[in-house]
Protein backbone atom coordinates (compact mmCIF):
# COMPACT_ATOMS: atom_id res chain seq x y z
CA MET A 1 -41.26 87.06 -60.66
CA ARG A 2 -38.51 88.80 -58.71
CA VAL A 3 -35.14 89.74 -60.23
CA TRP A 4 -31.84 90.72 -58.62
CA SER A 5 -28.74 91.94 -60.45
CA PHE A 6 -25.20 91.73 -59.05
CA ASN A 7 -23.66 95.14 -58.38
CA PRO A 8 -19.84 94.82 -58.61
CA ASN A 9 -19.33 98.16 -56.85
CA THR A 10 -21.01 96.99 -53.65
CA CYS A 11 -20.54 93.20 -54.11
CA ARG A 12 -24.21 92.56 -53.45
CA PHE A 13 -27.39 91.81 -55.37
CA ASP A 14 -29.87 94.66 -55.86
CA ARG A 15 -33.54 94.12 -56.66
CA VAL A 16 -34.21 95.26 -60.23
CA GLY A 17 -36.89 95.00 -62.89
CA ARG A 18 -36.99 92.50 -65.73
CA ALA A 19 -35.56 95.03 -68.18
CA ALA A 20 -32.27 95.05 -66.22
CA LEU A 21 -31.64 91.40 -67.20
CA ALA A 22 -30.46 92.60 -70.60
CA GLU A 23 -27.58 94.49 -68.99
CA ALA A 24 -26.74 92.25 -66.03
CA ASP A 25 -23.60 90.10 -66.06
CA VAL A 26 -25.00 87.99 -63.19
CA ALA A 27 -28.64 87.96 -62.13
CA VAL A 28 -30.94 85.84 -59.98
CA ILE A 29 -34.55 85.16 -60.97
CA SER A 30 -37.05 83.84 -58.45
CA ASP A 31 -40.63 82.83 -59.06
CA ASP A 32 -43.06 80.72 -57.09
CA SER A 33 -41.54 77.47 -58.33
CA ASP A 34 -37.74 77.90 -58.44
CA VAL A 35 -34.65 80.12 -58.30
CA GLN A 36 -32.45 80.50 -61.38
CA VAL A 37 -29.14 82.18 -62.16
CA VAL A 38 -28.29 84.04 -65.36
CA ARG A 39 -24.61 84.56 -66.20
CA ASP A 40 -23.23 86.54 -69.14
CA HIS A 41 -26.62 86.79 -70.88
CA ALA A 42 -26.89 82.99 -71.27
CA GLN A 43 -30.03 80.98 -70.62
CA PRO A 44 -31.08 80.80 -66.94
CA THR A 45 -29.91 77.72 -65.04
CA ARG A 46 -31.48 76.24 -61.91
CA TRP A 47 -29.76 77.13 -58.65
CA PRO A 48 -29.70 73.90 -56.60
CA SER A 49 -30.91 74.22 -53.02
CA GLY A 50 -28.12 74.08 -50.44
CA GLU A 51 -25.36 75.17 -52.83
CA PRO A 52 -23.90 78.68 -52.49
CA LEU A 53 -23.55 81.02 -55.45
CA VAL A 54 -20.06 82.54 -55.60
CA VAL A 55 -19.72 85.85 -57.44
CA ALA A 56 -16.55 87.97 -57.24
CA GLY A 57 -15.35 85.83 -54.34
CA VAL A 58 -18.49 86.42 -52.26
CA GLU A 59 -20.84 83.54 -51.34
CA PHE A 60 -24.60 83.99 -51.47
CA ASP A 61 -27.20 81.57 -50.09
CA ARG A 62 -30.17 80.62 -52.23
CA GLU A 63 -32.52 81.20 -49.28
CA LEU A 64 -31.90 84.98 -49.56
CA PHE A 65 -33.71 84.94 -52.91
CA GLU A 66 -36.61 82.56 -52.22
C-alpha cells in the first residue's frame, strides 16, 4: 500500500507512511486493486477513474497515484 498526504504549503501530495494518515486532512491511498481518498479523517472513498481530485483549487489526476 502506498500513501500520499496533501501538503498545503506546497499544494502537492507527498509520499508518507501509514502513520501519517492520522494527521492528514486529505490523503490518497493506493494498493494493487484501487485508489481511495481520505478527507477529514473519514472513511476512505473510492476515487473513480477519469475524475480529477480537486484540493485547494488544484486538480490532480488519479493516474499519478496508480
